[in-house]
Amino acid sequence: MKKKFMFLLAIVLLVLTACGKDQAQEPITLKDQSGNEVAFPQDKPSVFFFITTYT
């Protein structure tokens, strides 16, 4: 049963991935800890780390 569920989940994810767009239409911007906006480039892949603290 678990094997069938994982196979079905993989098929659904594959179909959803195929329906997506190659690039985002608008640039992705986030705010850093100082409140400055940081934009990610759209022309090449980028990796960012999201670390949060609760104080």
PDB file of N, CA and C in Angstrom:
ATOM      1  N   MET A   1       0.822  -1.197   0.000  1.00  0.00           N
ATOM      2  CA  MET A   1       0.000   0.000   0.000  1.00  0.00           C
ATOM      3  C   MET A   1       0.866   1.261   0.000  1.00  0.00           C
ATOM      4  N   LYS A   2       1.912   1.256   0.820  1.00  0.00           N
ATOM      5  CA  LYS A   2       2.786   2.423   0.878  1.00  0.00           C
ATOM      6  C   LYS A   2       3.519   2.611  -0.448  1.00  0.00           C
ATOM      7  N   LYS A   3       3.858   1.511  -1.095  1.00  0.00           N
ATOM      8  CA  LYS A   3       4.554   1.580  -2.380  1.00  0.00           C
ATOM      9  C   LYS A   3       3.663   2.214  -3.451  1.00  0.00           C
ATOM     10  N   LYS A   4       2.394   1.862  -3.444  1.00  0.00           N
ATOM     11  CA  LYS A   4       1.455   2.441  -4.405  1.00  0.00           C
ATOM     12  C   LYS A   4       1.269   3.936  -4.155  1.00  0.00           C
ATOM     13  N   PHE A   5       1.187   4.307  -2.880  1.00  0.00           N
ATOM     14  CA  PHE A   5       1.025   5.719  -2.535  1.00  0.00           C
ATOM     15  C   PHE A   5       2.230   6.530  -2.981  1.00  0.00           C
ATOM     16  N   MET A   6       3.432   6.029  -2.755  1.00  0.00           N
ATOM     17  CA  MET A   6       4.641   6.744  -3.155  1.00  0.00           C
ATOM     18  C   MET A   6       4.719   6.864  -4.678  1.00  0.00           C
ATOM     19  N   PHE A   7       4.322   5.816  -5.391  1.00  0.00           N
ATOM     20  CA  PHE A   7       4.318   5.856  -6.849  1.00  0.00           C
ATOM     21  C   PHE A   7       3.317   6.896  -7.354  1.00  0.00           C
ATOM     22  N   LEU A   8       2.135   6.925  -6.761  1.00  0.00           N
ATOM     23  CA  LEU A   8       1.118   7.898  -7.149  1.00  0.00           C
ATOM     24  C   LEU A   8       1.579   9.319  -6.838  1.00  0.00           C
ATOM     25  N   LEU A   9       2.206   9.514  -5.697  1.00  0.00           N
ATOM     26  CA  LEU A   9       2.729  10.826  -5.333  1.00  0.00           C
ATOM     27  C   LEU A   9       3.810  11.274  -6.314  1.00  0.00           C
ATOM     28  N   ALA A  10       4.686  10.357  -6.715  1.00  0.00           N
ATOM     29  CA  ALA A  10       5.737  10.692  -7.675  1.00  0.00           C
ATOM     30  C   ALA A  10       5.141  11.088  -9.027  1.00  0.00           C
ATOM     31  N   ILE A  11       4.116  10.404  -9.470  1.00  0.00           N
ATOM     32  CA  ILE A  11       3.461  10.734 -10.742  1.00  0.00           C
ATOM     33  C   ILE A  11       2.807  12.115 -10.664  1.00  0.00           C
ATOM     34  N   VAL A  12       2.128  12.403  -9.556  1.00  0.00           N
ATOM     35  CA  VAL A  12       1.475  13.704  -9.396  1.00  0.00           C
ATOM     36  C   VAL A  12       2.517  14.820  -9.387  1.00  0.00           C
ATOM     37  N   LEU A  13       3.620  14.633  -8.664  1.00  0.00           N
ATOM     38  CA  LEU A  13       4.672  15.648  -8.635  1.00  0.00           C
ATOM     39  C   LEU A  13       5.302  15.846 -10.008  1.00  0.00           C
ATOM     40  N   LEU A  14       5.471  14.778 -10.751  1.00  0.00           N
ATOM     41  CA  LEU A  14       6.026  14.883 -12.096  1.00  0.00           C
ATOM     42  C   LEU A  14       5.104  15.681 -13.012  1.00  0.00           C
ATOM     43  N   VAL A  15       3.816  15.436 -12.927  1.00  0.00           N
ATOM     44  CA  VAL A  15       2.850  16.169 -13.754  1.00  0.00           C
ATOM     45  C   VAL A  15       2.817  17.642 -13.358  1.00  0.00           C
ATOM     46  N   LEU A  16       2.816  17.929 -12.056  1.00  0.00           N
ATOM     47  CA  LEU A  16       2.806  19.325 -11.609  1.00  0.00           C
ATOM     48  C   LEU A  16       4.076  20.054 -12.020  1.00  0.00           C
ATOM     49  N   THR A  17       5.201  19.379 -11.986  1.00  0.00           N
ATOM     50  CA  THR A  17       6.460  19.987 -12.402  1.00  0.00           C
ATOM     51  C   THR A  17       6.453  20.277 -13.898  1.00  0.00           C
ATOM     52  N   ALA A  18       5.889  19.396 -14.674  1.00  0.00           N
ATOM     53  CA  ALA A  18       5.845  19.586 -16.124  1.00  0.00           C
ATOM     54  C   ALA A  18       4.937  20.750 -16.512  1.00  0.00           C
ATOM     55  N   CYS A  19       3.956  21.066 -15.691  1.00  0.00           N
ATOM     56  CA  CYS A  19       3.027  22.158 -16.005  1.00  0.00           C
ATOM     57  C   CYS A  19       3.564  23.523 -15.599  1.00  0.00           C
ATOM     58  N   GLY A  20       4.646  23.569 -14.863  1.00  0.00           N
ATOM     59  CA  GLY A  20       5.179  24.841 -14.373  1.00  0.00           C
ATOM     60  C   GLY A  20       5.935  25.601 -15.445  1.00  0.00           C
ATOM     61  N   LYS A  21       6.268  26.846 -15.125  1.00  0.00           N
ATOM     62  CA  LYS A  21       7.030  27.690 -16.037  1.00  0.00           C
ATOM     63  C   LYS A  21       8.517  27.532 -15.752  1.00  0.00           C
ATOM     64  N   ASP A  22       9.337  27.851 -16.755  1.00  0.00           N
ATOM     65  CA  ASP A  22      10.780  27.725 -16.594  1.00  0.00           C
ATOM     66  C   ASP A  22      11.344  28.768 -15.640  1.00  0.00           C
ATOM     67  N   GLN A  23      10.856  29.989 -15.729  1.00  0.00           N
ATOM     68  CA  GLN A  23      11.355  31.070 -14.887  1.00  0.00           C
ATOM     69  C   GLN A  23      10.190  31.856 -14.313  1.00  0.00           C
ATOM     70  N   ALA A  24      10.457  32.524 -13.213  1.00  0.00           N
ATOM     71  CA  ALA A  24       9.446  33.389 -12.612  1.00  0.00           C
ATOM     72  C   ALA A  24       9.266  34.636 -13.473  1.00  0.00           C
ATOM     73  N   GLN A  25       8.078  35.167 -13.478  1.00  0.00           N
ATOM     74  CA  GLN A  25       7.798  36.358 -14.276  1.00  0.00           C
ATOM     75  C   GLN A  25       8.390  37.613 -13.643  1.00  0.00           C
ATOM     76  N   GLU A  26       8.393  37.664 -12.319  1.00  0.00           N
ATOM     77  CA  GLU A  26       8.915  38.822 -11.598  1.00  0.00           C
ATOM     78  C   GLU A  26      10.122  38.395 -10.775  1.00  0.00           C
ATOM     79  N   PRO A  27      11.046  39.305 -10.512  1.00  0.00           N
ATOM     80  CA  PRO A  27      12.201  38.940  -9.684  1.00  0.00           C
ATOM     81  C   PRO A  27      11.772  38.611  -8.255  1.00  0.00           C
ATOM     82  N   ILE A  28      12.484  37.697  -7.643  1.00  0.00           N
ATOM     83  CA  ILE A  28      12.196  37.287  -6.273  1.00  0.00           C
ATOM     84  C   ILE A  28      12.966  38.203  -5.334  1.00  0.00           C
ATOM     85  N   THR A  29      12.260  38.888  -4.457  1.00  0.00           N
ATOM     86  CA  THR A  29      12.917  39.782  -3.501  1.00  0.00           C
ATOM     87  C   THR A  29      12.511  39.394  -2.090  1.00  0.00           C
ATOM     88  N   LEU A  30      13.484  39.379  -1.209  1.00  0.00           N
ATOM     89  CA  LEU A  30      13.274  39.100   0.209  1.00  0.00           C
ATOM     90  C   LEU A  30      13.920  40.200   1.019  1.00  0.00           C
ATOM     91  N   LYS A  31      13.555  40.296   2.279  1.00  0.00           N
ATOM     92  CA  LYS A  31      14.184  41.271   3.169  1.00  0.00           C
ATOM     93  C   LYS A  31      15.126  40.546   4.120  1.00  0.00           C
ATOM     94  N   ASP A  32      16.312  41.132   4.319  1.00  0.00           N
ATOM     95  CA  ASP A  32      17.254  40.550   5.263  1.00  0.00           C
ATOM     96  C   ASP A  32      16.985  41.075   6.670  1.00  0.00           C
ATOM     97  N   GLN A  33      17.848  40.698   7.618  1.00  0.00           N
ATOM     98  CA  GLN A  33      17.627  41.064   9.013  1.00  0.00           C
ATOM     99  C   GLN A  33      17.692  42.569   9.256  1.00  0.00           C
ATOM    100  N   SER A  34      18.324  43.317   8.366  1.00  0.00           N
ATOM    101  CA  SER A  34      18.420  44.772   8.511  1.00  0.00           C
ATOM    102  C   SER A  34      17.283  45.507   7.811  1.00  0.00           C
ATOM    103  N   GLY A  35      16.421  44.782   7.121  1.00  0.00           N
ATOM    104  CA  GLY A  35      15.311  45.406   6.410  1.00  0.00           C
ATOM    105  C   GLY A  35      15.624  45.764   4.975  1.00  0.00           C
ATOM    106  N   ASN A  36      16.826  45.433   4.506  1.00  0.00           N
ATOM    107  CA  ASN A  36      17.201  45.707   3.113  1.00  0.00           C
ATOM    108  C   ASN A  36      16.593  44.651   2.200  1.00  0.00           C
ATOM    109  N   GLU A  37      16.141  45.075   1.027  1.00  0.00           N
ATOM    110  CA  GLU A  37      15.595  44.129   0.059  1.00  0.00           C
ATOM    111  C   GLU A  37      16.726  43.486  -0.729  1.00  0.00           C
ATOM    112  N   VAL A  38      16.656  42.166  -0.860  1.00  0.00           N
ATOM    113  CA  VAL A  38      17.659  41.400  -1.593  1.00  0.00           C
ATOM    114  C   VAL A  38      16.951  40.712  -2.749  1.00  0.00           C
ATOM    115  N   ALA A  39      17.432  40.919  -3.976  1.00  0.00           N
ATOM    116  CA  ALA A  39      16.833  40.310  -5.165  1.00  0.00           C
ATOM    117  C   ALA A  39      17.698  39.147  -5.632  1.00  0.00           C
ATOM    118  N   PHE A  40      17.049  38.077  -6.055  1.00  0.00           N
ATOM    119  CA  PHE A  40      17.753  36.910  -6.565  1.00  0.00           C
ATOM    120  C   PHE A  40      17.788  36.968  -8.088  1.00  0.00           C
ATOM    121  N   PRO A  41      18.906  36.609  -8.689  1.00  0.00           N
ATOM    122  CA  PRO A  41      19.006  36.658 -10.154  1.00  0.00           C
ATOM    123  C   PRO A  41      18.116  35.600 -10.800  1.00  0.00           C
ATOM    124  N   GLN A  42      17.563  35.921 -11.951  1.00  0.00           N
ATOM    125  CA  GLN A  42      16.699  35.001 -12.681  1.00  0.00           C
ATOM    126  C   GLN A  42      17.435  34.259 -13.786  1.00  0.00           C
ATOM    127  N   ASP A  43      18.626  34.719 -14.161  1.00  0.00           N
ATOM    128  CA  ASP A  43      19.317  34.124 -15.300  1.00  0.00           C
ATOM    129  C   ASP A  43      20.105  32.869 -14.943  1.00  0.00           C
ATOM    130  N   LYS A  44      20.399  32.634 -13.669  1.00  0.00           N
ATOM    131  CA  LYS A  44      21.143  31.441 -13.275  1.00  0.00           C
ATOM    132  C   LYS A  44      20.605  30.924 -11.945  1.00  0.00           C
ATOM    133  N   PRO A  45      20.787  29.656 -11.660  1.00  0.00           N
ATOM    134  CA  PRO A  45      20.291  29.092 -10.400  1.00  0.00           C
ATOM    135  C   PRO A  45      21.016  29.696  -9.206  1.00  0.00           C
ATOM    136  N   SER A  46      20.308  29.838  -8.113  1.00  0.00           N
ATOM    137  CA  SER A  46      20.919  30.367  -6.894  1.00  0.00           C
ATOM    138  C   SER A  46      20.412  29.575  -5.694  1.00  0.00           C
ATOM    139  N   VAL A  47      21.234  29.516  -4.670  1.00  0.00           N
ATOM    140  CA  VAL A  47      20.894  28.816  -3.435  1.00  0.00           C
ATOM    141  C   VAL A  47      20.906  29.839  -2.312  1.00  0.00           C
ATOM    142  N   PHE A  48      19.881  29.826  -1.492  1.00  0.00           N
ATOM    143  CA  PHE A  48      19.873  30.715  -0.335  1.00  0.00           C
ATOM    144  C   PHE A  48      19.444  29.918   0.892  1.00  0.00           C
ATOM    145  N   PHE A  49      19.906  30.359   2.047  1.00  0.00           N
ATOM    146  CA  PHE A  49      19.579  29.704   3.306  1.00  0.00           C
ATOM    147  C   PHE A  49      18.619  30.586   4.083  1.00  0.00           C
ATOM    148  N   PHE A  50      17.565  29.987   4.581  1.00  0.00           N
ATOM    149  CA  PHE A  50      16.570  30.712   5.365  1.00  0.00           C
ATOM    150  C   PHE A  50      16.704  30.268   6.811  1.00  0.00           C
ATOM    151  N   ILE A  51      17.219  31.152   7.651  1.00  0.00           N
ATOM    152  CA  ILE A  51      17.402  30.854   9.068  1.00  0.00           C
ATOM    153  C   ILE A  51      16.607  31.883   9.853  1.00  0.00           C
ATOM    154  N   THR A  52      15.816  31.415  10.776  1.00  0.00           N
ATOM    155  CA  THR A  52      15.012  32.324  11.579  1.00  0.00           C
ATOM    156  C   THR A  52      15.238  32.039  13.058  1.00  0.00           C
ATOM    157  N   THR A  53      15.065  33.054  13.857  1.00  0.00           N
ATOM    158  CA  THR A  53      15.165  32.888  15.309  1.00  0.00           C
ATOM    159  C   THR A  53      13.952  33.531  15.953  1.00  0.00           C
ATOM    160  N   TYR A  54      13.511  32.954  17.012  1.00  0.00           N
ATOM    161  CA  TYR A  54      12.404  33.509  17.781  1.00  0.00           C
ATOM    162  C   TYR A  54      12.972  34.100  19.052  1.00  0.00           C
ATOM    163  N   THR A  55      12.800  35.404  19.221  1.00  0.00           N
ATOM    164  CA  THR A  55      13.327  36.052  20.426  1.00  0.00           C
ATOM    165  C   THR A  55      12.211  36.689  21.208  1.00  0.00           C
TER     166      THR A  55
END
